[in-house]
Amino acid sequence: MQQSLAPNPAQRPRQPRKPKAEYLCMAYPERPATTNPAYWLAVYLRDLAHHAALQALEKRSFGRKGPGTDPITQLAITSAVLTQHDELKKMAKLTKESGLLLYAWPGTSFFNQPDAAH
């Protein structure tokens, strides 16, 4: 019996999946009422996801292999990234002042807990 040198399909190494865009993996909670103690945390996490999406768009617009955009659009995207960054810093400060900075990271499960609704 002759054996084949070609690898068995079950033995082939699997190609790793392309990772999801960072902002699609981040927490994006519903915006609670302003009276909710976790309001600033929710706003911060939403702003963080928006910022990551804008940064990805900016990177793609300046990329050599990417679609590229005209200079006016690139300027608008860069301006949006910088504005969003300033807002993000403000939200981080308010999250810190509300005592929820510990939960202010993209993979948090704070809003998945039943008692997080307060």
PDB file of N, CA and C in Angstrom:
ATOM      1  N   MET A   1       0.834  -1.169   0.000  1.00  0.00           N
ATOM      2  CA  MET A   1       0.000   0.000   0.000  1.00  0.00           C
ATOM      3  C   MET A   1       0.886   1.241   0.000  1.00  0.00           C
ATOM      4  N   GLN A   2       0.605   2.149  -0.882  1.00  0.00           N
ATOM      5  CA  GLN A   2       1.420   3.340  -1.023  1.00  0.00           C
ATOM      6  C   GLN A   2       0.771   4.516  -0.279  1.00  0.00           C
ATOM      7  N   GLN A   3       1.598   5.250   0.471  1.00  0.00           N
ATOM      8  CA  GLN A   3       1.073   6.389   1.221  1.00  0.00           C
ATOM      9  C   GLN A   3       1.296   7.667   0.431  1.00  0.00           C
ATOM     10  N   SER A   4       0.352   8.533   0.548  1.00  0.00           N
ATOM     11  CA  SER A   4       0.432   9.812  -0.146  1.00  0.00           C
ATOM     12  C   SER A   4       1.264  10.784   0.682  1.00  0.00           C
ATOM     13  N   LEU A   5       2.025  11.634   0.000  1.00  0.00           N
ATOM     14  CA  LEU A   5       2.807  12.653   0.685  1.00  0.00           C
ATOM     15  C   LEU A   5       1.987  13.904   0.991  1.00  0.00           C
ATOM     16  N   ALA A   6       0.828  14.032   0.370  1.00  0.00           N
ATOM     17  CA  ALA A   6      -0.031  15.191   0.625  1.00  0.00           C
ATOM     18  C   ALA A   6      -0.624  15.074   2.024  1.00  0.00           C
ATOM     19  N   PRO A   7      -0.669  16.170   2.739  1.00  0.00           N
ATOM     20  CA  PRO A   7      -1.226  16.097   4.090  1.00  0.00           C
ATOM     21  C   PRO A   7      -2.731  15.834   4.065  1.00  0.00           C
ATOM     22  N   ASN A   8      -3.163  15.119   5.044  1.00  0.00           N
ATOM     23  CA  ASN A   8      -4.572  14.834   5.224  1.00  0.00           C
ATOM     24  C   ASN A   8      -5.275  16.163   5.540  1.00  0.00           C
ATOM     25  N   PRO A   9      -6.473  16.398   4.993  1.00  0.00           N
ATOM     26  CA  PRO A   9      -7.145  17.673   5.292  1.00  0.00           C
ATOM     27  C   PRO A   9      -7.296  17.933   6.792  1.00  0.00           C
ATOM     28  N   ALA A  10      -7.437  16.886   7.564  1.00  0.00           N
ATOM     29  CA  ALA A  10      -7.575  17.073   9.012  1.00  0.00           C
ATOM     30  C   ALA A  10      -6.246  17.496   9.643  1.00  0.00           C
ATOM     31  N   GLN A  11      -5.116  17.250   8.943  1.00  0.00           N
ATOM     32  CA  GLN A  11      -3.807  17.574   9.489  1.00  0.00           C
ATOM     33  C   GLN A  11      -3.310  18.955   9.072  1.00  0.00           C
ATOM     34  N   ARG A  12      -3.985  19.575   8.125  1.00  0.00           N
ATOM     35  CA  ARG A  12      -3.539  20.891   7.670  1.00  0.00           C
ATOM     36  C   ARG A  12      -3.688  21.913   8.780  1.00  0.00           C
ATOM     37  N   PRO A  13      -2.708  22.770   8.881  1.00  0.00           N
ATOM     38  CA  PRO A  13      -2.869  23.809   9.909  1.00  0.00           C
ATOM     39  C   PRO A  13      -3.997  24.755   9.531  1.00  0.00           C
ATOM     40  N   ARG A  14      -4.769  25.155  10.514  1.00  0.00           N
ATOM     41  CA  ARG A  14      -5.883  26.065  10.274  1.00  0.00           C
ATOM     42  C   ARG A  14      -5.359  27.484  10.149  1.00  0.00           C
ATOM     43  N   GLN A  15      -5.907  28.186   9.205  1.00  0.00           N
ATOM     44  CA  GLN A  15      -5.555  29.593   9.055  1.00  0.00           C
ATOM     45  C   GLN A  15      -6.268  30.380  10.159  1.00  0.00           C
ATOM     46  N   PRO A  16      -5.532  31.203  10.883  1.00  0.00           N
ATOM     47  CA  PRO A  16      -6.199  31.968  11.934  1.00  0.00           C
ATOM     48  C   PRO A  16      -7.191  32.953  11.319  1.00  0.00           C
ATOM     49  N   ARG A  17      -8.297  33.157  12.024  1.00  0.00           N
ATOM     50  CA  ARG A  17      -9.282  34.113  11.560  1.00  0.00           C
ATOM     51  C   ARG A  17      -8.754  35.524  11.725  1.00  0.00           C
ATOM     52  N   LYS A  18      -9.184  36.352  10.832  1.00  0.00           N
ATOM     53  CA  LYS A  18      -8.833  37.758  10.954  1.00  0.00           C
ATOM     54  C   LYS A  18      -9.573  38.294  12.181  1.00  0.00           C
ATOM     55  N   PRO A  19      -8.878  38.966  13.077  1.00  0.00           N
ATOM     56  CA  PRO A  19      -9.555  39.436  14.283  1.00  0.00           C
ATOM     57  C   PRO A  19     -10.601  40.494  13.959  1.00  0.00           C
ATOM     58  N   LYS A  20     -11.614  40.553  14.809  1.00  0.00           N
ATOM     59  CA  LYS A  20     -12.640  41.576  14.651  1.00  0.00           C
ATOM     60  C   LYS A  20     -12.015  42.937  14.895  1.00  0.00           C
ATOM     61  N   ALA A  21     -12.634  43.935  14.332  1.00  0.00           N
ATOM     62  CA  ALA A  21     -12.191  45.298  14.608  1.00  0.00           C
ATOM     63  C   ALA A  21     -12.310  45.542  16.105  1.00  0.00           C
ATOM     64  N   GLU A  22     -11.358  46.253  16.650  1.00  0.00           N
ATOM     65  CA  GLU A  22     -11.297  46.452  18.096  1.00  0.00           C
ATOM     66  C   GLU A  22     -12.598  47.018  18.654  1.00  0.00           C
ATOM     67  N   TYR A  23     -13.157  47.995  17.976  1.00  0.00           N
ATOM     68  CA  TYR A  23     -14.348  48.642  18.504  1.00  0.00           C
ATOM     69  C   TYR A  23     -15.574  47.722  18.473  1.00  0.00           C
ATOM     70  N   LEU A  24     -15.545  46.641  17.693  1.00  0.00           N
ATOM     71  CA  LEU A  24     -16.649  45.696  17.686  1.00  0.00           C
ATOM     72  C   LEU A  24     -16.575  44.735  18.862  1.00  0.00           C
ATOM     73  N   CYS A  25     -15.427  44.649  19.503  1.00  0.00           N
ATOM     74  CA  CYS A  25     -15.240  43.760  20.647  1.00  0.00           C
ATOM     75  C   CYS A  25     -15.398  44.508  21.970  1.00  0.00           C
ATOM     76  N   MET A  26     -15.617  45.795  21.904  1.00  0.00           N
ATOM     77  CA  MET A  26     -15.647  46.608  23.110  1.00  0.00           C
ATOM     78  C   MET A  26     -17.050  46.661  23.712  1.00  0.00           C
ATOM     79  N   ALA A  27     -17.100  46.939  25.001  1.00  0.00           N
ATOM     80  CA  ALA A  27     -18.382  47.134  25.663  1.00  0.00           C
ATOM     81  C   ALA A  27     -19.038  48.385  25.084  1.00  0.00           C
ATOM     82  N   TYR A  28     -20.326  48.289  24.810  1.00  0.00           N
ATOM     83  CA  TYR A  28     -21.075  49.429  24.268  1.00  0.00           C
ATOM     84  C   TYR A  28     -22.446  49.423  24.940  1.00  0.00           C
ATOM     85  N   PRO A  29     -22.488  49.831  26.211  1.00  0.00           N
ATOM     86  CA  PRO A  29     -23.743  49.736  26.962  1.00  0.00           C
ATOM     87  C   PRO A  29     -24.778  50.758  26.506  1.00  0.00           C
ATOM     88  N   GLU A  30     -26.035  50.445  26.775  1.00  0.00           N
ATOM     89  CA  GLU A  30     -27.100  51.419  26.553  1.00  0.00           C
ATOM     90  C   GLU A  30     -26.832  52.605  27.473  1.00  0.00           C
ATOM     91  N   ARG A  31     -27.192  53.781  27.025  1.00  0.00           N
ATOM     92  CA  ARG A  31     -26.966  54.968  27.847  1.00  0.00           C
ATOM     93  C   ARG A  31     -28.042  55.018  28.932  1.00  0.00           C
ATOM     94  N   PRO A  32     -27.644  54.876  30.204  1.00  0.00           N
ATOM     95  CA  PRO A  32     -28.634  54.922  31.290  1.00  0.00           C
ATOM     96  C   PRO A  32     -29.086  56.359  31.556  1.00  0.00           C
ATOM     97  N   ALA A  33     -30.061  56.479  32.414  1.00  0.00           N
ATOM     98  CA  ALA A  33     -30.540  57.807  32.805  1.00  0.00           C
ATOM     99  C   ALA A  33     -29.411  58.558  33.506  1.00  0.00           C
ATOM    100  N   THR A  34     -29.445  59.867  33.441  1.00  0.00           N
ATOM    101  CA  THR A  34     -28.381  60.667  34.056  1.00  0.00           C
ATOM    102  C   THR A  34     -28.358  60.522  35.571  1.00  0.00           C
ATOM    103  N   THR A  35     -29.438  60.028  36.149  1.00  0.00           N
ATOM    104  CA  THR A  35     -29.468  59.817  37.601  1.00  0.00           C
ATOM    105  C   THR A  35     -28.811  58.508  38.013  1.00  0.00           C
ATOM    106  N   ASN A  36     -28.554  57.643  37.050  1.00  0.00           N
ATOM    107  CA  ASN A  36     -27.924  56.351  37.330  1.00  0.00           C
ATOM    108  C   ASN A  36     -26.467  56.579  37.736  1.00  0.00           C
ATOM    109  N   PRO A  37     -26.002  55.924  38.809  1.00  0.00           N
ATOM    110  CA  PRO A  37     -24.609  56.104  39.237  1.00  0.00           C
ATOM    111  C   PRO A  37     -23.575  55.671  38.189  1.00  0.00           C
ATOM    112  N   ALA A  38     -23.955  54.794  37.269  1.00  0.00           N
ATOM    113  CA  ALA A  38     -23.019  54.304  36.257  1.00  0.00           C
ATOM    114  C   ALA A  38     -23.120  55.098  34.952  1.00  0.00           C
ATOM    115  N   TYR A  39     -23.784  56.243  34.967  1.00  0.00           N
ATOM    116  CA  TYR A  39     -23.971  57.032  33.744  1.00  0.00           C
ATOM    117  C   TYR A  39     -22.644  57.393  33.085  1.00  0.00           C
ATOM    118  N   TRP A  40     -21.708  57.939  33.855  1.00  0.00           N
ATOM    119  CA  TRP A  40     -20.447  58.399  33.261  1.00  0.00           C
ATOM    120  C   TRP A  40     -19.610  57.244  32.737  1.00  0.00           C
ATOM    121  N   LEU A  41     -19.712  56.096  33.383  1.00  0.00           N
ATOM    122  CA  LEU A  41     -19.002  54.915  32.889  1.00  0.00           C
ATOM    123  C   LEU A  41     -19.563  54.487  31.528  1.00  0.00           C
ATOM    124  N   ALA A  42     -20.876  54.460  31.397  1.00  0.00           N
ATOM    125  CA  ALA A  42     -21.493  54.083  30.129  1.00  0.00           C
ATOM    126  C   ALA A  42     -21.114  55.066  29.022  1.00  0.00           C
ATOM    127  N   VAL A  43     -21.144  56.353  29.331  1.00  0.00           N
ATOM    128  CA  VAL A  43     -20.789  57.371  28.341  1.00  0.00           C
ATOM    129  C   VAL A  43     -19.318  57.223  27.943  1.00  0.00           C
ATOM    130  N   TYR A  44     -18.458  56.975  28.928  1.00  0.00           N
ATOM    131  CA  TYR A  44     -17.028  56.798  28.636  1.00  0.00           C
ATOM    132  C   TYR A  44     -16.804  55.601  27.712  1.00  0.00           C
ATOM    133  N   LEU A  45     -17.436  54.472  28.004  1.00  0.00           N
ATOM    134  CA  LEU A  45     -17.238  53.263  27.199  1.00  0.00           C
ATOM    135  C   LEU A  45     -17.765  53.445  25.776  1.00  0.00           C
ATOM    136  N   ARG A  46     -18.879  54.139  25.637  1.00  0.00           N
ATOM    137  CA  ARG A  46     -19.408  54.418  24.294  1.00  0.00           C
ATOM    138  C   ARG A  46     -18.450  55.332  23.530  1.00  0.00           C
ATOM    139  N   ASP A  47     -17.948  56.370  24.202  1.00  0.00           N
ATOM    140  CA  ASP A  47     -16.989  57.275  23.563  1.00  0.00           C
ATOM    141  C   ASP A  47     -15.698  56.554  23.196  1.00  0.00           C
ATOM    142  N   LEU A  48     -15.276  55.621  24.035  1.00  0.00           N
ATOM    143  CA  LEU A  48     -14.065  54.846  23.760  1.00  0.00           C
ATOM    144  C   LEU A  48     -14.245  54.007  22.490  1.00  0.00           C
ATOM    145  N   ALA A  49     -15.412  53.393  22.326  1.00  0.00           N
ATOM    146  CA  ALA A  49     -15.685  52.610  21.121  1.00  0.00           C
ATOM    147  C   ALA A  49     -15.728  53.517  19.883  1.00  0.00           C
ATOM    148  N   HIS A  50     -16.340  54.688  20.027  1.00  0.00           N
ATOM    149  CA  HIS A  50     -16.375  55.639  18.902  1.00  0.00           C
ATOM    150  C   HIS A  50     -14.961  56.071  18.523  1.00  0.00           C
ATOM    151  N   HIS A  51     -14.142  56.324  19.529  1.00  0.00           N
ATOM    152  CA  HIS A  51     -12.770  56.765  19.275  1.00  0.00           C
ATOM    153  C   HIS A  51     -11.971  55.680  18.555  1.00  0.00           C
ATOM    154  N   ALA A  52     -12.121  54.437  18.993  1.00  0.00           N
ATOM    155  CA  ALA A  52     -11.407  53.335  18.345  1.00  0.00           C
ATOM    156  C   ALA A  52     -11.857  53.185  16.891  1.00  0.00           C
ATOM    157  N   ALA A  53     -13.152  53.359  16.630  1.00  0.00           N
ATOM    158  CA  ALA A  53     -13.662  53.259  15.257  1.00  0.00           C
ATOM    159  C   ALA A  53     -13.110  54.394  14.394  1.00  0.00           C
ATOM    160  N   LEU A  54     -13.065  55.594  14.943  1.00  0.00           N
ATOM    161  CA  LEU A  54     -12.517  56.725  14.189  1.00  0.00           C
ATOM    162  C   LEU A  54     -11.029  56.542  13.909  1.00  0.00           C
ATOM    163  N   GLN A  55     -10.293  56.018  14.881  1.00  0.00           N
ATOM    164  CA  GLN A  55      -8.867  55.779  14.669  1.00  0.00           C
ATOM    165  C   GLN A  55      -8.645  54.740  13.563  1.00  0.00           C
ATOM    166  N   ALA A  56      -9.484  53.699  13.535  1.00  0.00           N
ATOM    167  CA  ALA A  56      -9.369  52.683  12.487  1.00  0.00           C
ATOM    168  C   ALA A  56      -9.672  53.300  11.120  1.00  0.00           C
ATOM    169  N   LEU A  57     -10.665  54.160  11.071  1.00  0.00           N
ATOM    170  CA  LEU A  57     -11.002  54.838   9.816  1.00  0.00           C
ATOM    171  C   LEU A  57      -9.868  55.753   9.371  1.00  0.00           C
ATOM    172  N   GLU A  58      -9.288  56.466  10.332  1.00  0.00           N
ATOM    173  CA  GLU A  58      -8.165  57.354  10.014  1.00  0.00           C
ATOM    174  C   GLU A  58      -6.984  56.551   9.476  1.00  0.00           C
ATOM    175  N   LYS A  59      -6.679  55.445  10.128  1.00  0.00           N
ATOM    176  CA  LYS A  59      -5.551  54.609   9.704  1.00  0.00           C
ATOM    177  C   LYS A  59      -5.778  54.077   8.288  1.00  0.00           C
ATOM    178  N   ARG A  60      -7.008  53.646   8.015  1.00  0.00           N
ATOM    179  CA  ARG A  60      -7.332  53.117   6.701  1.00  0.00           C
ATOM    180  C   ARG A  60      -7.273  54.211   5.629  1.00  0.00           C
ATOM    181  N   SER A  61      -7.668  55.426   5.986  1.00  0.00           N
ATOM    182  CA  SER A  61      -7.690  56.493   4.982  1.00  0.00           C
ATOM    183  C   SER A  61      -6.283  56.943   4.595  1.00  0.00           C
ATOM    184  N   PHE A  62      -5.307  56.751   5.485  1.00  0.00           N
ATOM    185  CA  PHE A  62      -3.932  57.132   5.189  1.00  0.00           C
ATOM    186  C   PHE A  62      -3.095  55.956   4.704  1.00  0.00           C
ATOM    187  N   GLY A  63      -3.666  54.759   4.700  1.00  0.00           N
ATOM    188  CA  GLY A  63      -2.908  53.564   4.340  1.00  0.00           C
ATOM    189  C   GLY A  63      -2.532  53.516   2.872  1.00  0.00           C
ATOM    190  N   ARG A  64      -1.410  52.912   2.596  1.00  0.00           N
ATOM    191  CA  ARG A  64      -0.949  52.783   1.209  1.00  0.00           C
ATOM    192  C   ARG A  64      -1.789  51.773   0.439  1.00  0.00           C
ATOM    193  N   LYS A  65      -2.166  50.689   1.111  1.00  0.00           N
ATOM    194  CA  LYS A  65      -2.944  49.650   0.445  1.00  0.00           C
ATOM    195  C   LYS A  65      -4.437  49.942   0.490  1.00  0.00           C
ATOM    196  N   GLY A  66      -4.848  50.784   1.437  1.00  0.00           N
ATOM    197  CA  GLY A  66      -6.259  51.068   1.621  1.00  0.00           C
ATOM    198  C   GLY A  66      -6.834  51.943   0.528  1.00  0.00           C
ATOM    199  N   PRO A  67      -8.106  52.258   0.656  1.00  0.00           N
ATOM    200  CA  PRO A  67      -8.758  53.029  -0.391  1.00  0.00           C
ATOM    201  C   PRO A  67      -8.223  54.451  -0.512  1.00  0.00           C
ATOM    202  N   GLY A  68      -7.692  54.977   0.573  1.00  0.00           N
ATOM    203  CA  GLY A  68      -7.180  56.341   0.525  1.00  0.00           C
ATOM    204  C   GLY A  68      -8.315  57.328   0.326  1.00  0.00           C
ATOM    205  N   THR A  69      -8.119  58.512   0.740  1.00  0.00           N
ATOM    206  CA  THR A  69      -9.132  59.539   0.589  1.00  0.00           C
ATOM    207  C   THR A  69      -8.458  60.840   0.209  1.00  0.00           C
ATOM    208  N   ASP A  70      -9.275  61.776  -0.176  1.00  0.00           N
ATOM    209  CA  ASP A  70      -8.725  63.073  -0.556  1.00  0.00           C
ATOM    210  C   ASP A  70      -8.259  63.824   0.700  1.00  0.00           C
ATOM    211  N   PRO A  71      -7.425  64.835   0.541  1.00  0.00           N
ATOM    212  CA  PRO A  71      -6.871  65.556   1.696  1.00  0.00           C
ATOM    213  C   PRO A  71      -7.923  66.204   2.598  1.00  0.00           C
ATOM    214  N   ILE A  72      -9.012  66.691   2.042  1.00  0.00           N
ATOM    215  CA  ILE A  72     -10.059  67.316   2.855  1.00  0.00           C
ATOM    216  C   ILE A  72     -10.723  66.287   3.761  1.00  0.00           C
ATOM    217  N   THR A  73     -10.999  65.119   3.217  1.00  0.00           N
ATOM    218  CA  THR A  73     -11.605  64.055   4.024  1.00  0.00           C
ATOM    219  C   THR A  73     -10.635  63.583   5.098  1.00  0.00           C
ATOM    220  N   GLN A  74      -9.354  63.451   4.767  1.00  0.00           N
ATOM    221  CA  GLN A  74      -8.355  63.060   5.758  1.00  0.00           C
ATOM    222  C   GLN A  74      -8.282  64.088   6.876  1.00  0.00           C
ATOM    223  N   LEU A  75      -8.336  65.369   6.524  1.00  0.00           N
ATOM    224  CA  LEU A  75      -8.312  66.426   7.531  1.00  0.00           C
ATOM    225  C   LEU A  75      -9.542  66.345   8.439  1.00  0.00           C
ATOM    226  N   ALA A  76     -10.694  66.082   7.849  1.00  0.00           N
ATOM    227  CA  ALA A  76     -11.924  65.961   8.631  1.00  0.00           C
ATOM    228  C   ALA A  76     -11.860  64.768   9.587  1.00  0.00           C
ATOM    229  N   ILE A  77     -11.342  63.648   9.105  1.00  0.00           N
ATOM    230  CA  ILE A  77     -11.232  62.451   9.949  1.00  0.00           C
ATOM    231  C   ILE A  77     -10.255  62.706  11.092  1.00  0.00           C
ATOM    232  N   THR A  78      -9.108  63.311  10.782  1.00  0.00           N
ATOM    233  CA  THR A  78      -8.117  63.609  11.820  1.00  0.00           C
ATOM    234  C   THR A  78      -8.693  64.568  12.843  1.00  0.00           C
ATOM    235  N   SER A  79      -9.422  65.570  12.393  1.00  0.00           N
ATOM    236  CA  SER A  79     -10.056  66.522  13.296  1.00  0.00           C
ATOM    237  C   SER A  79     -11.068  65.820  14.202  1.00  0.00           C
ATOM    238  N   ALA A  80     -11.841  64.894  13.635  1.00  0.00           N
ATOM    239  CA  ALA A  80     -12.813  64.141  14.427  1.00  0.00           C
ATOM    240  C   ALA A  80     -12.113  63.279  15.480  1.00  0.00           C
ATOM    241  N   VAL A  81     -10.993  62.666  15.108  1.00  0.00           N
ATOM    242  CA  VAL A  81     -10.237  61.834  16.060  1.00  0.00           C
ATOM    243  C   VAL A  81      -9.734  62.694  17.223  1.00  0.00           C
ATOM    244  N   LEU A  82      -9.195  63.861  16.911  1.00  0.00           N
ATOM    245  CA  LEU A  82      -8.670  64.737  17.966  1.00  0.00           C
ATOM    246  C   LEU A  82      -9.789  65.258  18.872  1.00  0.00           C
ATOM    247  N   THR A  83     -10.914  65.622  18.285  1.00  0.00           N
ATOM    248  CA  THR A  83     -12.056  66.090  19.075  1.00  0.00           C
ATOM    249  C   THR A  83     -12.572  64.972  19.967  1.00  0.00           C
ATOM    250  N   GLN A  84     -12.691  63.778  19.406  1.00  0.00           N
ATOM    251  CA  GLN A  84     -13.167  62.634  20.177  1.00  0.00           C
ATOM    252  C   GLN A  84     -12.192  62.309  21.308  1.00  0.00           C
ATOM    253  N   HIS A  85     -10.906  62.465  21.061  1.00  0.00           N
ATOM    254  CA  HIS A  85      -9.901  62.215  22.097  1.00  0.00           C
ATOM    255  C   HIS A  85     -10.079  63.187  23.264  1.00  0.00           C
ATOM    256  N   ASP A  86     -10.329  64.461  22.951  1.00  0.00           N
ATOM    257  CA  ASP A  86     -10.564  65.445  24.017  1.00  0.00           C
ATOM    258  C   ASP A  86     -11.807  65.094  24.838  1.00  0.00           C
ATOM    259  N   GLU A  87     -12.870  64.684  24.153  1.00  0.00           N
ATOM    260  CA  GLU A  87     -14.094  64.279  24.850  1.00  0.00           C
ATOM    261  C   GLU A  87     -13.845  63.045  25.715  1.00  0.00           C
ATOM    262  N   LEU A  88     -13.044  62.142  25.195  1.00  0.00           N
ATOM    263  CA  LEU A  88     -12.727  60.919  25.931  1.00  0.00           C
ATOM    264  C   LEU A  88     -11.986  61.235  27.227  1.00  0.00           C
ATOM    265  N   LYS A  89     -11.082  62.192  27.164  1.00  0.00           N
ATOM    266  CA  LYS A  89     -10.364  62.596  28.377  1.00  0.00           C
ATOM    267  C   LYS A  89     -11.321  63.188  29.406  1.00  0.00           C
ATOM    268  N   LYS A  90     -12.279  63.981  28.956  1.00  0.00           N
ATOM    269  CA  LYS A  90     -13.276  64.554  29.881  1.00  0.00           C
ATOM    270  C   LYS A  90     -14.112  63.458  30.517  1.00  0.00           C
ATOM    271  N   MET A  91     -14.556  62.486  29.697  1.00  0.00           N
ATOM    272  CA  MET A  91     -15.379  61.394  30.217  1.00  0.00           C
ATOM    273  C   MET A  91     -14.584  60.522  31.189  1.00  0.00           C
ATOM    274  N   ALA A  92     -13.300  60.325  30.928  1.00  0.00           N
ATOM    275  CA  ALA A  92     -12.462  59.544  31.843  1.00  0.00           C
ATOM    276  C   ALA A  92     -12.362  60.255  33.189  1.00  0.00           C
ATOM    277  N   LYS A  93     -12.237  61.571  33.158  1.00  0.00           N
ATOM    278  CA  LYS A  93     -12.157  62.337  34.406  1.00  0.00           C
ATOM    279  C   LYS A  93     -13.457  62.202  35.193  1.00  0.00           C
ATOM    280  N   LEU A  94     -14.601  62.326  34.510  1.00  0.00           N
ATOM    281  CA  LEU A  94     -15.892  62.206  35.190  1.00  0.00           C
ATOM    282  C   LEU A  94     -16.130  60.781  35.683  1.00  0.00           C
ATOM    283  N   THR A  95     -15.647  59.788  34.943  1.00  0.00           N
ATOM    284  CA  THR A  95     -15.756  58.395  35.389  1.00  0.00           C
ATOM    285  C   THR A  95     -14.918  58.176  36.642  1.00  0.00           C
ATOM    286  N   LYS A  96     -13.731  58.771  36.658  1.00  0.00           N
ATOM    287  CA  LYS A  96     -12.860  58.669  37.827  1.00  0.00           C
ATOM    288  C   LYS A  96     -13.520  59.321  39.038  1.00  0.00           C
ATOM    289  N   GLU A  97     -14.090  60.498  38.831  1.00  0.00           N
ATOM    290  CA  GLU A  97     -14.743  61.209  39.944  1.00  0.00           C
ATOM    291  C   GLU A  97     -15.964  60.467  40.462  1.00  0.00           C
ATOM    292  N   SER A  98     -16.619  59.675  39.606  1.00  0.00           N
ATOM    293  CA  SER A  98     -17.790  58.920  40.054  1.00  0.00           C
ATOM    294  C   SER A  98     -17.397  57.604  40.728  1.00  0.00           C
ATOM    295  N   GLY A  99     -16.086  57.298  40.758  1.00  0.00           N
ATOM    296  CA  GLY A  99     -15.603  56.102  41.450  1.00  0.00           C
ATOM    297  C   GLY A  99     -15.684  54.829  40.627  1.00  0.00           C
ATOM    298  N   LEU A 100     -15.877  54.929  39.326  1.00  0.00           N
ATOM    299  CA  LEU A 100     -16.031  53.739  38.489  1.00  0.00           C
ATOM    300  C   LEU A 100     -14.873  53.523  37.539  1.00  0.00           C
ATOM    301  N   LEU A 101     -13.749  54.166  37.768  1.00  0.00           N
ATOM    302  CA  LEU A 101     -12.599  54.031  36.873  1.00  0.00           C
ATOM    303  C   LEU A 101     -12.107  52.586  36.802  1.00  0.00           C
ATOM    304  N   LEU A 102     -12.279  51.835  37.871  1.00  0.00           N
ATOM    305  CA  LEU A 102     -11.876  50.432  37.906  1.00  0.00           C
ATOM    306  C   LEU A 102     -12.551  49.624  36.794  1.00  0.00           C
ATOM    307  N   TYR A 103     -13.774  50.002  36.433  1.00  0.00           N
ATOM    308  CA  TYR A 103     -14.543  49.258  35.433  1.00  0.00           C
ATOM    309  C   TYR A 103     -14.423  49.856  34.032  1.00  0.00           C
ATOM    310  N   ALA A 104     -13.617  50.892  33.864  1.00  0.00           N
ATOM    311  CA  ALA A 104     -13.529  51.615  32.592  1.00  0.00           C
ATOM    312  C   ALA A 104     -12.476  51.014  31.675  1.00  0.00           C
ATOM    313  N   TRP A 105     -12.698  49.807  31.211  1.00  0.00           N
ATOM    314  CA  TRP A 105     -11.803  49.185  30.234  1.00  0.00           C
ATOM    315  C   TRP A 105     -12.680  48.465  29.212  1.00  0.00           C
ATOM    316  N   PRO A 106     -12.212  48.316  27.978  1.00  0.00           N
ATOM    317  CA  PRO A 106     -13.055  47.825  26.890  1.00  0.00           C
ATOM    318  C   PRO A 106     -13.724  46.476  27.122  1.00  0.00           C
ATOM    319  N   GLY A 107     -13.113  45.579  27.867  1.00  0.00           N
ATOM    320  CA  GLY A 107     -13.696  44.254  28.059  1.00  0.00           C
ATOM    321  C   GLY A 107     -14.525  44.112  29.318  1.00  0.00           C
ATOM    322  N   THR A 108     -14.904  45.199  29.934  1.00  0.00           N
ATOM    323  CA  THR A 108     -15.623  45.126  31.202  1.00  0.00           C
ATOM    324  C   THR A 108     -16.949  44.380  31.065  1.00  0.00           C
ATOM    325  N   SER A 109     -17.323  43.696  32.121  1.00  0.00           N
ATOM    326  CA  SER A 109     -18.624  43.025  32.146  1.00  0.00           C
ATOM    327  C   SER A 109     -19.520  43.684  33.185  1.00  0.00           C
ATOM    328  N   PHE A 110     -19.185  44.904  33.569  1.00  0.00           N
ATOM    329  CA  PHE A 110     -19.925  45.629  34.600  1.00  0.00           C
ATOM    330  C   PHE A 110     -21.413  45.718  34.268  1.00  0.00           C
ATOM    331  N   PHE A 111     -21.746  46.006  33.011  1.00  0.00           N
ATOM    332  CA  PHE A 111     -23.146  46.188  32.641  1.00  0.00           C
ATOM    333  C   PHE A 111     -23.868  44.881  32.377  1.00  0.00           C
ATOM    334  N   ASN A 112     -23.158  43.756  32.412  1.00  0.00           N
ATOM    335  CA  ASN A 112     -23.779  42.441  32.261  1.00  0.00           C
ATOM    336  C   ASN A 112     -24.298  41.926  33.583  1.00  0.00           C
ATOM    337  N   GLN A 113     -23.895  42.537  34.684  1.00  0.00           N
ATOM    338  CA  GLN A 113     -24.306  42.089  36.013  1.00  0.00           C
ATOM    339  C   GLN A 113     -25.721  42.568  36.283  1.00  0.00           C
ATOM    340  N   PRO A 114     -26.557  41.721  36.913  1.00  0.00           N
ATOM    341  CA  PRO A 114     -27.950  42.117  37.153  1.00  0.00           C
ATOM    342  C   PRO A 114     -28.088  43.324  38.073  1.00  0.00           C
ATOM    343  N   ASP A 115     -27.186  43.510  39.005  1.00  0.00           N
ATOM    344  CA  ASP A 115     -27.303  44.633  39.944  1.00  0.00           C
ATOM    345  C   ASP A 115     -26.641  45.904  39.411  1.00  0.00           C
ATOM    346  N   ALA A 116     -26.180  45.911  38.172  1.00  0.00           N
ATOM    347  CA  ALA A 116     -25.550  47.106  37.614  1.00  0.00           C
ATOM    348  C   ALA A 116     -26.571  48.167  37.241  1.00  0.00           C
ATOM    349  N   ALA A 117     -27.841  47.761  37.115  1.00  0.00           N
ATOM    350  CA  ALA A 117     -28.862  48.719  36.704  1.00  0.00           C
ATOM    351  C   ALA A 117     -29.191  49.710  37.814  1.00  0.00           C
ATOM    352  N   HIS A 118     -28.962  49.338  39.031  1.00  0.00           N
ATOM    353  CA  HIS A 118     -29.268  50.169  40.204  1.00  0.00           C
ATOM    354  C   HIS A 118     -30.654  50.752  40.087  1.00  0.00           C
TER     355      HIS A 118
END
